[in-house]
PDB file of N, CA and C in Angstrom:
ATOM      1  N   MET A   1      23.340  16.503  18.960  1.00  0.00           N
ATOM      2  CA  MET A   1      23.544  16.499  17.536  1.00  0.00           C
ATOM      3  C   MET A   1      23.185  15.140  16.943  1.00  0.00           C
ATOM      4  N   LYS A   2      23.559  14.061  17.620  1.00  0.00           N
ATOM      5  CA  LYS A   2      23.292  12.722  17.106  1.00  0.00           C
ATOM      6  C   LYS A   2      21.799  12.418  17.101  1.00  0.00           C
ATOM      7  N   ARG A   3      21.104  12.905  18.114  1.00  0.00           N
ATOM      8  CA  ARG A   3      19.664  12.667  18.201  1.00  0.00           C
ATOM      9  C   ARG A   3      18.921  13.347  17.051  1.00  0.00           C
ATOM     10  N   SER A   4      19.375  14.531  16.668  1.00  0.00           N
ATOM     11  CA  SER A   4      18.753  15.261  15.570  1.00  0.00           C
ATOM     12  C   SER A   4      18.941  14.516  14.246  1.00  0.00           C
ATOM     13  N   ALA A   5      20.116  13.932  14.047  1.00  0.00           N
ATOM     14  CA  ALA A   5      20.367  13.176  12.816  1.00  0.00           C
ATOM     15  C   ALA A   5      19.477  11.942  12.766  1.00  0.00           C
ATOM     16  N   LYS A   6      19.309  11.269  13.893  1.00  0.00           N
ATOM     17  CA  LYS A   6      18.449  10.087  13.925  1.00  0.00           C
ATOM     18  C   LYS A   6      17.002  10.482  13.640  1.00  0.00           C
ATOM     19  N   ARG A   7      16.578  11.609  14.169  1.00  0.00           N
ATOM     20  CA  ARG A   7      15.201  12.073  13.945  1.00  0.00           C
ATOM     21  C   ARG A   7      14.988  12.410  12.470  1.00  0.00           C
ATOM     22  N   GLU A   8      15.992  13.008  11.820  1.00  0.00           N
ATOM     23  CA  GLU A   8      15.879  13.317  10.389  1.00  0.00           C
ATOM     24  C   GLU A   8      15.810  12.038   9.564  1.00  0.00           C
ATOM     25  N   GLN A   9      16.602  11.043   9.941  1.00  0.00           N
ATOM     26  CA  GLN A   9      16.558   9.768   9.227  1.00  0.00           C
ATOM     27  C   GLN A   9      15.196   9.104   9.390  1.00  0.00           C
ATOM     28  N   LEU A  10      14.659   9.158  10.596  1.00  0.00           N
ATOM     29  CA  LEU A  10      13.348   8.564  10.859  1.00  0.00           C
ATOM     30  C   LEU A  10      12.260   9.283  10.066  1.00  0.00           C
ATOM     31  N   THR A  11      12.356  10.597   9.972  1.00  0.00           N
ATOM     32  CA  THR A  11      11.387  11.367   9.191  1.00  0.00           C
ATOM     33  C   THR A  11      11.452  10.991   7.716  1.00  0.00           C
ATOM     34  N   THR A  12      12.654  10.785   7.205  1.00  0.00           N
ATOM     35  CA  THR A  12      12.814  10.385   5.813  1.00  0.00           C
ATOM     36  C   THR A  12      12.217   9.003   5.570  1.00  0.00           C
ATOM     37  N   ILE A  13      12.463   8.082   6.480  1.00  0.00           N
ATOM     38  CA  ILE A  13      11.927   6.728   6.340  1.00  0.00           C
ATOM     39  C   ILE A  13      10.405   6.747   6.385  1.00  0.00           C
ATOM     40  N   VAL A  14       9.841   7.483   7.316  1.00  0.00           N
ATOM     41  CA  VAL A  14       8.376   7.561   7.436  1.00  0.00           C
ATOM     42  C   VAL A  14       7.776   8.195   6.190  1.00  0.00           C
ATOM     43  N   SER A  15       8.418   9.217   5.655  1.00  0.00           N
ATOM     44  CA  SER A  15       7.917   9.847   4.428  1.00  0.00           C
ATOM     45  C   SER A  15       7.947   8.867   3.256  1.00  0.00           C
ATOM     46  N   GLY A  16       8.998   8.081   3.169  1.00  0.00           N
ATOM     47  CA  GLY A  16       9.081   7.068   2.117  1.00  0.00           C
ATOM     48  C   GLY A  16       7.999   6.014   2.256  1.00  0.00           C
ATOM     49  N   ILE A  17       7.760   5.565   3.483  1.00  0.00           N
ATOM     50  CA  ILE A  17       6.712   4.572   3.720  1.00  0.00           C
ATOM     51  C   ILE A  17       5.351   5.145   3.348  1.00  0.00           C
ATOM     52  N   LEU A  18       5.098   6.391   3.701  1.00  0.00           N
ATOM     53  CA  LEU A  18       3.813   7.012   3.364  1.00  0.00           C
ATOM     54  C   LEU A  18       3.628   7.140   1.858  1.00  0.00           C
ATOM     55  N   CYS A  19       4.694   7.434   1.136  1.00  0.00           N
ATOM     56  CA  CYS A  19       4.599   7.513  -0.334  1.00  0.00           C
ATOM     57  C   CYS A  19       4.249   6.149  -0.928  1.00  0.00           C
ATOM     58  N   ILE A  20       4.893   5.100  -0.421  1.00  0.00           N
ATOM     59  CA  ILE A  20       4.600   3.753  -0.920  1.00  0.00           C
ATOM     60  C   ILE A  20       3.164   3.362  -0.593  1.00  0.00           C
ATOM     61  N   VAL A  21       2.705   3.683   0.614  1.00  0.00           N
ATOM     62  CA  VAL A  21       1.321   3.376   0.998  1.00  0.00           C
ATOM     63  C   VAL A  21       0.345   4.117   0.096  1.00  0.00           C
ATOM     64  N   LEU A  22       0.635   5.365  -0.199  1.00  0.00           N
ATOM     65  CA  LEU A  22      -0.234   6.138  -1.085  1.00  0.00           C
ATOM     66  C   LEU A  22      -0.313   5.499  -2.469  1.00  0.00           C
ATOM     67  N   ILE A  23       0.815   5.070  -2.994  1.00  0.00           N
ATOM     68  CA  ILE A  23       0.825   4.406  -4.306  1.00  0.00           C
ATOM     69  C   ILE A  23       0.018   3.113  -4.266  1.00  0.00           C
ATOM     70  N   LEU A  24       0.167   2.332  -3.201  1.00  0.00           N
ATOM     71  CA  LEU A  24      -0.578   1.077  -3.101  1.00  0.00           C
ATOM     72  C   LEU A  24      -2.079   1.307  -2.962  1.00  0.00           C
ATOM     73  N   VAL A  25      -2.469   2.334  -2.225  1.00  0.00           N
ATOM     74  CA  VAL A  25      -3.900   2.630  -2.070  1.00  0.00           C
ATOM     75  C   VAL A  25      -4.499   3.095  -3.393  1.00  0.00           C
ATOM     76  N   VAL A  26      -3.770   3.923  -4.125  1.00  0.00           N
ATOM     77  CA  VAL A  26      -4.259   4.356  -5.438  1.00  0.00           C
ATOM     78  C   VAL A  26      -4.373   3.151  -6.372  1.00  0.00           C
ATOM     79  N   LEU A  27      -3.415   2.235  -6.293  1.00  0.00           N
ATOM     80  CA  LEU A  27      -3.475   1.015  -7.101  1.00  0.00           C
ATOM     81  C   LEU A  27      -4.707   0.187  -6.743  1.00  0.00           C
ATOM     82  N   GLN A  28      -5.010   0.083  -5.452  1.00  0.00           N
ATOM     83  CA  GLN A  28      -6.201  -0.656  -5.043  1.00  0.00           C
ATOM     84  C   GLN A  28      -7.475   0.016  -5.540  1.00  0.00           C
ATOM     85  N   LEU A  29      -7.528   1.321  -5.499  1.00  0.00           N
ATOM     86  CA  LEU A  29      -8.705   2.015  -6.023  1.00  0.00           C
ATOM     87  C   LEU A  29      -8.848   1.803  -7.521  1.00  0.00           C
ATOM     88  N   TRP A  30      -7.734   1.825  -8.246  1.00  0.00           N
ATOM     89  CA  TRP A  30      -7.776   1.554  -9.681  1.00  0.00           C
ATOM     90  C   TRP A  30      -8.232   0.122  -9.940  1.00  0.00           C
ATOM     91  N   LEU A  31      -7.736  -0.835  -9.145  1.00  0.00           N
ATOM     92  CA  LEU A  31      -8.174  -2.223  -9.303  1.00  0.00           C
ATOM     93  C   LEU A  31      -9.675  -2.364  -9.064  1.00  0.00           C
ATOM     94  N   LEU A  32     -10.179  -1.690  -8.049  1.00  0.00           N
ATOM     95  CA  LEU A  32     -11.607  -1.751  -7.771  1.00  0.00           C
ATOM     96  C   LEU A  32     -12.416  -1.183  -8.936  1.00  0.00           C
ATOM     97  N   THR A  33     -11.983  -0.048  -9.465  1.00  0.00           N
ATOM     98  CA  THR A  33     -12.696   0.573 -10.579  1.00  0.00           C
ATOM     99  C   THR A  33     -12.660  -0.311 -11.823  1.00  0.00           C
ATOM    100  N   ALA A  34     -11.484  -0.834 -12.149  1.00  0.00           N
ATOM    101  CA  ALA A  34     -11.349  -1.676 -13.340  1.00  0.00           C
ATOM    102  C   ALA A  34     -12.132  -2.977 -13.186  1.00  0.00           C
ATOM    103  N   THR A  35     -12.126  -3.540 -11.997  1.00  0.00           N
ATOM    104  CA  THR A  35     -12.857  -4.784 -11.763  1.00  0.00           C
ATOM    105  C   THR A  35     -14.361  -4.560 -11.844  1.00  0.00           C
ATOM    106  N   MET A  36     -14.844  -3.476 -11.255  1.00  0.00           N
ATOM    107  CA  MET A  36     -16.275  -3.180 -11.348  1.00  0.00           C
ATOM    108  C   MET A  36     -16.691  -2.914 -12.788  1.00  0.00           C
ATOM    109  N   ASN A  37     -15.853  -2.228 -13.544  1.00  0.00           N
ATOM    110  CA  ASN A  37     -16.142  -1.960 -14.946  1.00  0.00           C
ATOM    111  C   ASN A  37     -16.212  -3.268 -15.741  1.00  0.00           C
ATOM    112  N   ALA A  38     -15.259  -4.160 -15.492  1.00  0.00           N
ATOM    113  CA  ALA A  38     -15.261  -5.451 -16.185  1.00  0.00           C
ATOM    114  C   ALA A  38     -16.455  -6.297 -15.763  1.00  0.00           C
ATOM    115  N   HIS A  39     -16.770  -6.295 -14.479  1.00  0.00           N
ATOM    116  CA  HIS A  39     -17.906  -7.080 -13.979  1.00  0.00           C
ATOM    117  C   HIS A  39     -19.218  -6.587 -14.577  1.00  0.00           C
ATOM    118  N   LEU A  40     -19.397  -5.280 -14.608  1.00  0.00           N
ATOM    119  CA  LEU A  40     -20.628  -4.734 -15.183  1.00  0.00           C
ATOM    120  C   LEU A  40     -20.690  -4.941 -16.697  1.00  0.00           C
ATOM    121  N   GLY A  41     -19.530  -5.121 -17.317  1.00  0.00           N
ATOM    122  CA  GLY A  41     -19.483  -5.409 -18.751  1.00  0.00           C
ATOM    123  C   GLY A  41     -19.660  -6.880 -19.065  1.00  0.00           C
ATOM    124  N   GLY A  42     -19.758  -7.709 -18.040  1.00  0.00           N
ATOM    125  CA  GLY A  42     -20.007  -9.134 -18.238  1.00  0.00           C
ATOM    126  C   GLY A  42     -18.760 -10.002 -18.213  1.00  0.00           C
ATOM    127  N   ASP A  43     -17.605  -9.441 -17.925  1.00  0.00           N
ATOM    128  CA  ASP A  43     -16.363 -10.213 -17.878  1.00  0.00           C
ATOM    129  C   ASP A  43     -16.113 -10.677 -16.448  1.00  0.00           C
ATOM    130  N   GLN A  44     -16.297 -11.958 -16.216  1.00  0.00           N
ATOM    131  CA  GLN A  44     -16.137 -12.513 -14.877  1.00  0.00           C
ATOM    132  C   GLN A  44     -14.721 -13.025 -14.601  1.00  0.00           C
ATOM    133  N   ALA A  45     -13.883 -13.117 -15.629  1.00  0.00           N
ATOM    134  CA  ALA A  45     -12.552 -13.695 -15.475  1.00  0.00           C
ATOM    135  C   ALA A  45     -11.585 -12.765 -14.742  1.00  0.00           C
ATOM    136  N   VAL A  46     -11.925 -11.529 -14.606  1.00  0.00           N
ATOM    137  CA  VAL A  46     -11.009 -10.550 -14.009  1.00  0.00           C
ATOM    138  C   VAL A  46     -11.136 -10.492 -12.489  1.00  0.00           C
ATOM    139  N   ILE A  47     -12.225 -10.972 -11.962  1.00  0.00           N
ATOM    140  CA  ILE A  47     -12.542 -10.761 -10.547  1.00  0.00           C
ATOM    141  C   ILE A  47     -11.508 -11.387  -9.617  1.00  0.00           C
ATOM    142  N   TRP A  48     -11.190 -12.664  -9.781  1.00  0.00           N
ATOM    143  CA  TRP A  48     -10.270 -13.331  -8.849  1.00  0.00           C
ATOM    144  C   TRP A  48      -8.833 -12.845  -8.960  1.00  0.00           C
ATOM    145  N   PRO A  49      -8.291 -12.626 -10.163  1.00  0.00           N
ATOM    146  CA  PRO A  49      -6.934 -12.054 -10.210  1.00  0.00           C
ATOM    147  C   PRO A  49      -6.848 -10.659  -9.576  1.00  0.00           C
ATOM    148  N   ALA A  50      -7.879  -9.846  -9.778  1.00  0.00           N
ATOM    149  CA  ALA A  50      -7.885  -8.515  -9.173  1.00  0.00           C
ATOM    150  C   ALA A  50      -8.000  -8.609  -7.655  1.00  0.00           C
ATOM    151  N   ALA A  51      -8.790  -9.555  -7.174  1.00  0.00           N
ATOM    152  CA  ALA A  51      -8.903  -9.746  -5.728  1.00  0.00           C
ATOM    153  C   ALA A  51      -7.565 -10.199  -5.145  1.00  0.00           C
ATOM    154  N   GLY A  52      -6.863 -11.060  -5.856  1.00  0.00           N
ATOM    155  CA  GLY A  52      -5.542 -11.501  -5.405  1.00  0.00           C
ATOM    156  C   GLY A  52      -4.545 -10.357  -5.375  1.00  0.00           C
ATOM    157  N   ALA A  53      -4.553  -9.520  -6.399  1.00  0.00           N
ATOM    158  CA  ALA A  53      -3.651  -8.365  -6.435  1.00  0.00           C
ATOM    159  C   ALA A  53      -3.987  -7.375  -5.318  1.00  0.00           C
ATOM    160  N   SER A  54      -5.266  -7.197  -5.051  1.00  0.00           N
ATOM    161  CA  SER A  54      -5.674  -6.303  -3.975  1.00  0.00           C
ATOM    162  C   SER A  54      -5.256  -6.861  -2.615  1.00  0.00           C
ATOM    163  N   LEU A  55      -5.334  -8.177  -2.456  1.00  0.00           N
ATOM    164  CA  LEU A  55      -4.883  -8.811  -1.215  1.00  0.00           C
ATOM    165  C   LEU A  55      -3.378  -8.620  -1.031  1.00  0.00           C
ATOM    166  N   VAL A  56      -2.622  -8.728  -2.105  1.00  0.00           N
ATOM    167  CA  VAL A  56      -1.175  -8.504  -2.020  1.00  0.00           C
ATOM    168  C   VAL A  56      -0.886  -7.063  -1.603  1.00  0.00           C
ATOM    169  N   CYS A  57      -1.614  -6.107  -2.176  1.00  0.00           N
ATOM    170  CA  CYS A  57      -1.445  -4.702  -1.786  1.00  0.00           C
ATOM    171  C   CYS A  57      -1.774  -4.502  -0.307  1.00  0.00           C
ATOM    172  N   PHE A  58      -2.828  -5.153   0.154  1.00  0.00           N
ATOM    173  CA  PHE A  58      -3.203  -5.062   1.566  1.00  0.00           C
ATOM    174  C   PHE A  58      -2.111  -5.632   2.463  1.00  0.00           C
ATOM    175  N   LEU A  59      -1.557  -6.769   2.070  1.00  0.00           N
ATOM    176  CA  LEU A  59      -0.500  -7.386   2.872  1.00  0.00           C
ATOM    177  C   LEU A  59       0.758  -6.520   2.887  1.00  0.00           C
ATOM    178  N   LEU A  60       1.078  -5.901   1.766  1.00  0.00           N
ATOM    179  CA  LEU A  60       2.221  -4.989   1.731  1.00  0.00           C
ATOM    180  C   LEU A  60       1.999  -3.788   2.651  1.00  0.00           C
ATOM    181  N   ASN A  61       0.799  -3.240   2.633  1.00  0.00           N
ATOM    182  CA  ASN A  61       0.484  -2.117   3.524  1.00  0.00           C
ATOM    183  C   ASN A  61       0.556  -2.542   4.983  1.00  0.00           C
ATOM    184  N   THR A  62       0.089  -3.738   5.291  1.00  0.00           N
ATOM    185  CA  THR A  62       0.157  -4.240   6.662  1.00  0.00           C
ATOM    186  C   THR A  62       1.608  -4.420   7.091  1.00  0.00           C
ATOM    187  N   GLY A  63       2.435  -4.952   6.200  1.00  0.00           N
ATOM    188  CA  GLY A  63       3.848  -5.109   6.513  1.00  0.00           C
ATOM    189  C   GLY A  63       4.548  -3.781   6.734  1.00  0.00           C
ATOM    190  N   LEU A  64       4.204  -2.773   5.938  1.00  0.00           N
ATOM    191  CA  LEU A  64       4.792  -1.451   6.133  1.00  0.00           C
ATOM    192  C   LEU A  64       4.354  -0.835   7.462  1.00  0.00           C
ATOM    193  N   LEU A  65       3.104  -1.049   7.838  1.00  0.00           N
ATOM    194  CA  LEU A  65       2.623  -0.559   9.129  1.00  0.00           C
ATOM    195  C   LEU A  65       3.366  -1.245  10.271  1.00  0.00           C
ATOM    196  N   TRP A  66       3.597  -2.550  10.129  1.00  0.00           N
ATOM    197  CA  TRP A  66       4.328  -3.296  11.144  1.00  0.00           C
ATOM    198  C   TRP A  66       5.756  -2.757  11.267  1.00  0.00           C
ATOM    199  N   GLN A  67       6.391  -2.469  10.134  1.00  0.00           N
ATOM    200  CA  GLN A  67       7.742  -1.892  10.159  1.00  0.00           C
ATOM    201  C   GLN A  67       7.744  -0.526  10.835  1.00  0.00           C
ATOM    202  N   LEU A  68       6.702   0.241  10.613  1.00  0.00           N
ATOM    203  CA  LEU A  68       6.602   1.556  11.236  1.00  0.00           C
ATOM    204  C   LEU A  68       6.508   1.432  12.754  1.00  0.00           C
ATOM    205  N   TYR A  69       5.742   0.464  13.239  1.00  0.00           N
ATOM    206  CA  TYR A  69       5.656   0.235  14.669  1.00  0.00           C
ATOM    207  C   TYR A  69       6.993  -0.238  15.230  1.00  0.00           C
ATOM    208  N   ARG A  70       7.733  -1.036  14.469  1.00  0.00           N
ATOM    209  CA  ARG A  70       9.057  -1.488  14.915  1.00  0.00           C
ATOM    210  C   ARG A  70      10.026  -0.324  15.013  1.00  0.00           C
ATOM    211  N   LEU A  71       9.908   0.658  14.116  1.00  0.00           N
ATOM    212  CA  LEU A  71      10.799   1.816  14.161  1.00  0.00           C
ATOM    213  C   LEU A  71      10.565   2.664  15.406  1.00  0.00           C
ATOM    214  N   GLU A  72       9.346   2.692  15.903  1.00  0.00           N
ATOM    215  CA  GLU A  72       9.039   3.500  17.075  1.00  0.00           C
ATOM    216  C   GLU A  72       9.642   2.930  18.342  1.00  0.00           C
ATOM    217  N   ARG A  73       9.858   1.632  18.385  1.00  0.00           N
ATOM    218  CA  ARG A  73      10.410   1.008  19.601  1.00  0.00           C
ATOM    219  C   ARG A  73      11.868   1.236  19.734  1.00  0.00           C
TER     220      ARG A  73
END
């Protein structure tokens, strides 16, 4: 009985992590689209802040993946 409860908790945690990863990936795709649109429109000031935000999203995704590996151990 206890093992089943732990498995349900783990499933809930993994589902939550996947939802957050999905949101971050969609955010990165939106950043890429908005940055390309601004770049093609001649606005160069947006490129570095968008790259920084995308790097933060990448680091958050990497941290979530690391947490997922820690949960498996």
